[in-house]
PDB file of all heavy atoms in Angstrom:
ATOM      1  N   ASP A   1       0.829  -1.195   0.025  1.00  0.00           N
ATOM      2  CA  ASP A   1       0.014   0.012  -0.044  1.00  0.00           C
ATOM      3  C   ASP A   1       0.892   1.289  -0.017  1.00  0.00           C
ATOM      4  O   ASP A   1       0.531   2.249  -0.683  1.00  0.00           O
ATOM      5  CB  ASP A   1      -0.929   0.061   1.232  1.00  0.00           C
ATOM      6  CG  ASP A   1      -2.001  -1.031   1.088  1.00  0.00           C
ATOM      7  OD1 ASP A   1      -2.415  -1.396  -0.060  1.00  0.00           O
ATOM      8  OD2 ASP A   1      -2.562  -1.503   2.175  1.00  0.00           O
ATOM      9  N   ILE A   2       1.939   1.253   0.719  1.00  0.00           N
ATOM     10  CA  ILE A   2       2.906   2.374   0.732  1.00  0.00           C
ATOM     11  C   ILE A   2       3.548   2.564  -0.694  1.00  0.00           C
ATOM     12  O   ILE A   2       3.540   3.719  -1.155  1.00  0.00           O
ATOM     13  CB  ILE A   2       4.053   2.133   1.758  1.00  0.00           C
ATOM     14  CG1 ILE A   2       3.464   2.190   3.219  1.00  0.00           C
ATOM     15  CG2 ILE A   2       5.226   3.205   1.623  1.00  0.00           C
ATOM     16  CD1 ILE A   2       4.503   1.800   4.301  1.00  0.00           C
ATOM     17  N   ARG A   3       3.776   1.468  -1.289  1.00  0.00           N
ATOM     18  CA  ARG A   3       4.249   1.515  -2.701  1.00  0.00           C
ATOM     19  C   ARG A   3       3.324   2.202  -3.642  1.00  0.00           C
ATOM     20  O   ARG A   3       3.647   3.049  -4.440  1.00  0.00           O
ATOM     21  CB  ARG A   3       4.569   0.080  -3.173  1.00  0.00           C
ATOM     22  CG  ARG A   3       4.573  -0.198  -4.652  1.00  0.00           C
ATOM     23  CD  ARG A   3       5.948  -0.231  -5.220  1.00  0.00           C
ATOM     24  NE  ARG A   3       6.464   1.124  -5.359  1.00  0.00           N
ATOM     25  CZ  ARG A   3       7.734   1.604  -5.126  1.00  0.00           C
ATOM     26  NH1 ARG A   3       8.589   0.793  -4.722  1.00  0.00           N
ATOM     27  NH2 ARG A   3       8.027   2.837  -5.325  1.00  0.00           N
ATOM     28  N   LYS A   4       2.011   1.934  -3.477  1.00  0.00           N
ATOM     29  CA  LYS A   4       0.979   2.535  -4.283  1.00  0.00           C
ATOM     30  C   LYS A   4       0.950   4.087  -4.062  1.00  0.00           C
ATOM     31  O   LYS A   4       0.782   4.778  -4.990  1.00  0.00           O
ATOM     32  CB  LYS A   4      -0.399   1.928  -4.001  1.00  0.00           C
ATOM     33  CG  LYS A   4      -0.618   0.522  -4.572  1.00  0.00           C
ATOM     34  CD  LYS A   4      -1.971  -0.059  -4.197  1.00  0.00           C
ATOM     35  CE  LYS A   4      -2.030  -1.519  -4.389  1.00  0.00           C
ATOM     36  NZ  LYS A   4      -3.244  -2.083  -3.827  1.00  0.00           N
ATOM     37  N   LEU A   5       0.945   4.449  -2.843  1.00  0.00           N
ATOM     38  CA  LEU A   5       0.989   5.911  -2.479  1.00  0.00           C
ATOM     39  C   LEU A   5       2.200   6.579  -3.130  1.00  0.00           C
ATOM     40  O   LEU A   5       2.089   7.658  -3.716  1.00  0.00           O
ATOM     41  CB  LEU A   5       0.983   6.099  -0.988  1.00  0.00           C
ATOM     42  CG  LEU A   5      -0.356   5.766  -0.272  1.00  0.00           C
ATOM     43  CD1 LEU A   5      -0.083   5.761   1.264  1.00  0.00           C
ATOM     44  CD2 LEU A   5      -1.440   6.799  -0.653  1.00  0.00           C
ATOM     45  N   ILE A   6       3.361   5.994  -2.954  1.00  0.00           N
ATOM     46  CA  ILE A   6       4.635   6.557  -3.538  1.00  0.00           C
ATOM     47  C   ILE A   6       4.484   6.661  -5.016  1.00  0.00           C
ATOM     48  O   ILE A   6       4.874   7.670  -5.589  1.00  0.00           O
ATOM     49  CB  ILE A   6       5.781   5.753  -3.062  1.00  0.00           C
ATOM     50  CG1 ILE A   6       6.052   5.888  -1.623  1.00  0.00           C
ATOM     51  CG2 ILE A   6       7.065   6.137  -3.917  1.00  0.00           C
ATOM     52  CD1 ILE A   6       7.141   4.892  -1.067  1.00  0.00           C
ATOM     53  N   ASP A   7       3.937   5.634  -5.697  1.00  0.00           N
ATOM     54  CA  ASP A   7       3.894   5.622  -7.080  1.00  0.00           C
ATOM     55  C   ASP A   7       2.948   6.763  -7.614  1.00  0.00           C
ATOM     56  O   ASP A   7       3.185   7.389  -8.631  1.00  0.00           O
ATOM     57  CB  ASP A   7       3.306   4.272  -7.643  1.00  0.00           C
ATOM     58  CG  ASP A   7       4.383   3.191  -7.498  1.00  0.00           C
ATOM     59  OD1 ASP A   7       5.583   3.479  -7.237  1.00  0.00           O
ATOM     60  OD2 ASP A   7       3.977   1.946  -7.675  1.00  0.00           O
ATOM     61  N   GLU A   8       1.841   6.900  -6.822  1.00  0.00           N
ATOM     62  CA  GLU A   8       0.926   8.007  -7.184  1.00  0.00           C
ATOM     63  C   GLU A   8       1.568   9.311  -7.222  1.00  0.00           C
ATOM     64  O   GLU A   8       1.383  10.218  -8.031  1.00  0.00           O
ATOM     65  CB  GLU A   8      -0.295   7.923  -6.245  1.00  0.00           C
ATOM     66  CG  GLU A   8      -1.368   8.957  -6.492  1.00  0.00           C
ATOM     67  CD  GLU A   8      -2.505   8.785  -5.534  1.00  0.00           C
ATOM     68  OE1 GLU A   8      -2.824   7.649  -5.131  1.00  0.00           O
ATOM     69  OE2 GLU A   8      -3.118   9.845  -5.265  1.00  0.00           O
ATOM     70  N   TYR A   9       2.347   9.602  -6.089  1.00  0.00           N
ATOM     71  CA  TYR A   9       3.110  10.876  -5.860  1.00  0.00           C
ATOM     72  C   TYR A   9       4.281  11.000  -6.835  1.00  0.00           C
ATOM     73  O   TYR A   9       4.514  12.174  -7.448  1.00  0.00           O
ATOM     74  CB  TYR A   9       3.479  11.057  -4.509  1.00  0.00           C
ATOM     75  CG  TYR A   9       2.355  11.622  -3.622  1.00  0.00           C
ATOM     76  CD1 TYR A   9       1.230  10.837  -3.252  1.00  0.00           C
ATOM     77  CD2 TYR A   9       2.318  12.906  -3.119  1.00  0.00           C
ATOM     78  CE1 TYR A   9       0.203  11.308  -2.445  1.00  0.00           C
ATOM     79  CE2 TYR A   9       1.380  13.418  -2.343  1.00  0.00           C
ATOM     80  CZ  TYR A   9       0.327  12.587  -1.976  1.00  0.00           C
ATOM     81  OH  TYR A   9      -0.781  13.076  -1.202  1.00  0.00           O
ATOM     82  N   SER A  10       4.982  10.002  -7.069  1.00  0.00           N
ATOM     83  CA  SER A  10       6.233  10.102  -7.819  1.00  0.00           C
ATOM     84  C   SER A  10       5.801  10.308  -9.326  1.00  0.00           C
ATOM     85  O   SER A  10       6.571  10.932 -10.098  1.00  0.00           O
ATOM     86  CB  SER A  10       7.176   8.904  -7.673  1.00  0.00           C
ATOM     87  OG  SER A  10       6.516   7.680  -8.101  1.00  0.00           O
ATOM     88  N   ALA A  11       4.681   9.784  -9.788  1.00  0.00           N
ATOM     89  CA  ALA A  11       4.267   9.947 -11.217  1.00  0.00           C
ATOM     90  C   ALA A  11       4.042  11.515 -11.461  1.00  0.00           C
ATOM     91  O   ALA A  11       4.316  11.936 -12.536  1.00  0.00           O
ATOM     92  CB  ALA A  11       2.978   9.229 -11.461  1.00  0.00           C
ATOM     93  N   GLY A  12       3.633  12.238 -10.419  1.00  0.00           N
ATOM     94  CA  GLY A  12       3.445  13.681 -10.646  1.00  0.00           C
ATOM     95  C   GLY A  12       4.725  14.427 -10.182  1.00  0.00           C
ATOM     96  O   GLY A  12       4.653  15.571  -9.981  1.00  0.00           O
ATOM     97  N   ARG A  13       5.845  13.761 -10.005  1.00  0.00           N
ATOM     98  CA  ARG A  13       7.123  14.347  -9.565  1.00  0.00           C
ATOM     99  C   ARG A  13       6.961  15.132  -8.329  1.00  0.00           C
ATOM    100  O   ARG A  13       7.661  16.170  -8.057  1.00  0.00           O
ATOM    101  CB  ARG A  13       7.706  15.204 -10.689  1.00  0.00           C
ATOM    102  CG  ARG A  13       8.033  14.403 -11.923  1.00  0.00           C
ATOM    103  CD  ARG A  13       8.907  15.148 -12.941  1.00  0.00           C
ATOM    104  NE  ARG A  13       9.909  15.966 -12.451  1.00  0.00           N
ATOM    105  CZ  ARG A  13      11.160  15.623 -12.039  1.00  0.00           C
ATOM    106  NH1 ARG A  13      11.524  14.324 -12.164  1.00  0.00           N
ATOM    107  NH2 ARG A  13      12.017  16.522 -11.649  1.00  0.00           N
ATOM    108  N   ARG A  14       6.110  14.652  -7.366  1.00  0.00           N
ATOM    109  CA  ARG A  14       5.999  15.273  -6.048  1.00  0.00           C
ATOM    110  C   ARG A  14       6.758  14.547  -5.011  1.00  0.00           C
ATOM    111  O   ARG A  14       6.837  14.941  -3.836  1.00  0.00           O
ATOM    112  CB  ARG A  14       4.507  15.406  -5.710  1.00  0.00           C
ATOM    113  CG  ARG A  14       3.748  16.353  -6.550  1.00  0.00           C
ATOM    114  CD  ARG A  14       2.270  16.472  -6.250  1.00  0.00           C
ATOM    115  NE  ARG A  14       1.662  15.132  -6.487  1.00  0.00           N
ATOM    116  CZ  ARG A  14       0.505  14.709  -6.039  1.00  0.00           C
ATOM    117  NH1 ARG A  14      -0.146  15.503  -5.129  1.00  0.00           N
ATOM    118  NH2 ARG A  14       0.009  13.569  -6.265  1.00  0.00           N
ATOM    119  N   LEU A  15       7.231  13.393  -5.322  1.00  0.00           N
ATOM    120  CA  LEU A  15       7.978  12.463  -4.444  1.00  0.00           C
ATOM    121  C   LEU A  15       8.868  11.619  -5.195  1.00  0.00           C
ATOM    122  O   LEU A  15       8.633  11.255  -6.360  1.00  0.00           O
ATOM    123  CB  LEU A  15       6.897  11.585  -3.655  1.00  0.00           C
ATOM    124  CG  LEU A  15       7.272  10.874  -2.438  1.00  0.00           C
ATOM    125  CD1 LEU A  15       7.590  11.911  -1.314  1.00  0.00           C
ATOM    126  CD2 LEU A  15       6.089  10.006  -1.944  1.00  0.00           C
ATOM    127  N   LEU A  16      10.106  11.456  -4.650  1.00  0.00           N
ATOM    128  CA  LEU A  16      11.100  10.677  -5.284  1.00  0.00           C
ATOM    129  C   LEU A  16      10.638   9.170  -5.300  1.00  0.00           C
ATOM    130  O   LEU A  16      10.088   8.589  -4.277  1.00  0.00           O
ATOM    131  CB  LEU A  16      12.394  10.697  -4.574  1.00  0.00           C
ATOM    132  CG  LEU A  16      13.128  12.012  -4.732  1.00  0.00           C
ATOM    133  CD1 LEU A  16      14.392  11.976  -3.861  1.00  0.00           C
ATOM    134  CD2 LEU A  16      13.529  12.247  -6.143  1.00  0.00           C
ATOM    135  N   GLN A  17      10.851   8.433  -6.419  1.00  0.00           N
ATOM    136  CA  GLN A  17      10.622   7.057  -6.531  1.00  0.00           C
ATOM    137  C   GLN A  17      11.548   6.271  -5.609  1.00  0.00           C
ATOM    138  O   GLN A  17      12.716   6.642  -5.392  1.00  0.00           O
ATOM    139  CB  GLN A  17      10.744   6.605  -8.016  1.00  0.00           C
ATOM    140  CG  GLN A  17      10.448   5.206  -8.259  1.00  0.00           C
ATOM    141  CD  GLN A  17       8.995   4.860  -7.944  1.00  0.00           C
ATOM    142  OE1 GLN A  17       8.657   4.248  -6.866  1.00  0.00           O
ATOM    143  NE2 GLN A  17       8.113   5.195  -8.848  1.00  0.00           N
ATOM    144  N   LYS A  18      11.102   5.244  -4.944  1.00  0.00           N
ATOM    145  CA  LYS A  18      11.912   4.384  -4.112  1.00  0.00           C
ATOM    146  C   LYS A  18      11.772   2.944  -4.621  1.00  0.00           C
ATOM    147  O   LYS A  18      10.707   2.476  -4.994  1.00  0.00           O
ATOM    148  CB  LYS A  18      11.493   4.509  -2.660  1.00  0.00           C
ATOM    149  CG  LYS A  18      11.730   5.900  -2.147  1.00  0.00           C
ATOM    150  CD  LYS A  18      11.918   5.864  -0.597  1.00  0.00           C
ATOM    151  CE  LYS A  18      12.007   7.317  -0.113  1.00  0.00           C
ATOM    152  NZ  LYS A  18      13.099   7.486   0.561  1.00  0.00           N
ATOM    153  N   GLU A  19      12.817   2.233  -4.500  1.00  0.00           N
ATOM    154  CA  GLU A  19      12.836   0.751  -4.766  1.00  0.00           C
ATOM    155  C   GLU A  19      12.044   0.093  -3.684  1.00  0.00           C
ATOM    156  O   GLU A  19      12.180   0.411  -2.475  1.00  0.00           O
ATOM    157  CB  GLU A  19      14.282   0.228  -4.841  1.00  0.00           C
ATOM    158  CG  GLU A  19      15.020   0.840  -5.984  1.00  0.00           C
ATOM    159  CD  GLU A  19      14.530   0.535  -7.440  1.00  0.00           C
ATOM    160  OE1 GLU A  19      13.817  -0.511  -7.596  1.00  0.00           O
ATOM    161  OE2 GLU A  19      14.679   1.344  -8.320  1.00  0.00           O
ATOM    162  N   THR A  20      11.332  -0.949  -4.044  1.00  0.00           N
ATOM    163  CA  THR A  20      10.555  -1.694  -3.104  1.00  0.00           C
ATOM    164  C   THR A  20      11.382  -2.325  -2.023  1.00  0.00           C
ATOM    165  O   THR A  20      11.065  -2.304  -0.795  1.00  0.00           O
ATOM    166  CB  THR A  20       9.644  -2.784  -3.779  1.00  0.00           C
ATOM    167  OG1 THR A  20       8.833  -2.150  -4.751  1.00  0.00           O
ATOM    168  CG2 THR A  20       8.807  -3.578  -2.834  1.00  0.00           C
ATOM    169  N   VAL A  21      12.627  -2.772  -2.439  1.00  0.00           N
ATOM    170  CA  VAL A  21      13.489  -3.358  -1.469  1.00  0.00           C
ATOM    171  C   VAL A  21      13.868  -2.296  -0.412  1.00  0.00           C
ATOM    172  O   VAL A  21      13.994  -2.680   0.822  1.00  0.00           O
ATOM    173  CB  VAL A  21      14.747  -3.966  -2.069  1.00  0.00           C
ATOM    174  CG1 VAL A  21      15.615  -2.962  -2.776  1.00  0.00           C
ATOM    175  CG2 VAL A  21      15.513  -4.822  -1.136  1.00  0.00           C
ATOM    176  N   THR A  22      14.038  -1.075  -0.824  1.00  0.00           N
ATOM    177  CA  THR A  22      14.415   0.036   0.122  1.00  0.00           C
ATOM    178  C   THR A  22      13.246   0.195   1.108  1.00  0.00           C
ATOM    179  O   THR A  22      13.477   0.523   2.309  1.00  0.00           O
ATOM    180  CB  THR A  22      14.691   1.311  -0.687  1.00  0.00           C
ATOM    181  OG1 THR A  22      15.748   1.020  -1.565  1.00  0.00           O
ATOM    182  CG2 THR A  22      15.055   2.392   0.337  1.00  0.00           C
ATOM    183  N   LEU A  23      12.030   0.040   0.661  1.00  0.00           N
ATOM    184  CA  LEU A  23      10.881   0.285   1.517  1.00  0.00           C
ATOM    185  C   LEU A  23      10.874  -0.805   2.616  1.00  0.00           C
ATOM    186  O   LEU A  23      10.582  -0.536   3.784  1.00  0.00           O
ATOM    187  CB  LEU A  23       9.567   0.274   0.710  1.00  0.00           C
ATOM    188  CG  LEU A  23       9.414   1.417  -0.265  1.00  0.00           C
ATOM    189  CD1 LEU A  23       8.169   1.237  -1.049  1.00  0.00           C
ATOM    190  CD2 LEU A  23       9.466   2.725   0.458  1.00  0.00           C
ATOM    191  N   TYR A  24      11.106  -2.107   2.181  1.00  0.00           N
ATOM    192  CA  TYR A  24      11.130  -3.119   3.132  1.00  0.00           C
ATOM    193  C   TYR A  24      12.298  -2.987   4.128  1.00  0.00           C
ATOM    194  O   TYR A  24      12.135  -3.209   5.320  1.00  0.00           O
ATOM    195  CB  TYR A  24      11.362  -4.549   2.449  1.00  0.00           C
ATOM    196  CG  TYR A  24       9.989  -4.992   1.959  1.00  0.00           C
ATOM    197  CD1 TYR A  24       9.739  -5.117   0.573  1.00  0.00           C
ATOM    198  CD2 TYR A  24       9.007  -5.479   2.841  1.00  0.00           C
ATOM    199  CE1 TYR A  24       8.580  -5.605   0.113  1.00  0.00           C
ATOM    200  CE2 TYR A  24       7.771  -5.895   2.339  1.00  0.00           C
ATOM    201  CZ  TYR A  24       7.612  -5.956   0.932  1.00  0.00           C
ATOM    202  OH  TYR A  24       6.345  -6.487   0.460  1.00  0.00           O
ATOM    203  N   GLU A  25      13.447  -2.525   3.650  1.00  0.00           N
ATOM    204  CA  GLU A  25      14.628  -2.274   4.429  1.00  0.00           C
ATOM    205  C   GLU A  25      14.414  -1.136   5.559  1.00  0.00           C
ATOM    206  O   GLU A  25      14.983  -1.243   6.633  1.00  0.00           O
ATOM    207  CB  GLU A  25      15.853  -1.918   3.643  1.00  0.00           C
ATOM    208  CG  GLU A  25      16.390  -2.986   2.826  1.00  0.00           C
ATOM    209  CD  GLU A  25      17.495  -2.484   1.856  1.00  0.00           C
ATOM    210  OE1 GLU A  25      17.616  -1.370   1.602  1.00  0.00           O
ATOM    211  OE2 GLU A  25      18.231  -3.434   1.429  1.00  0.00           O
TER     212      GLU A  25
END
């Protein structure tokens, strides 16, 4: 779910994209 939120914001260049492995870490 966090991944979905990040994807929504990063698509609009409002948030940096993060690798899923980084989110788990």
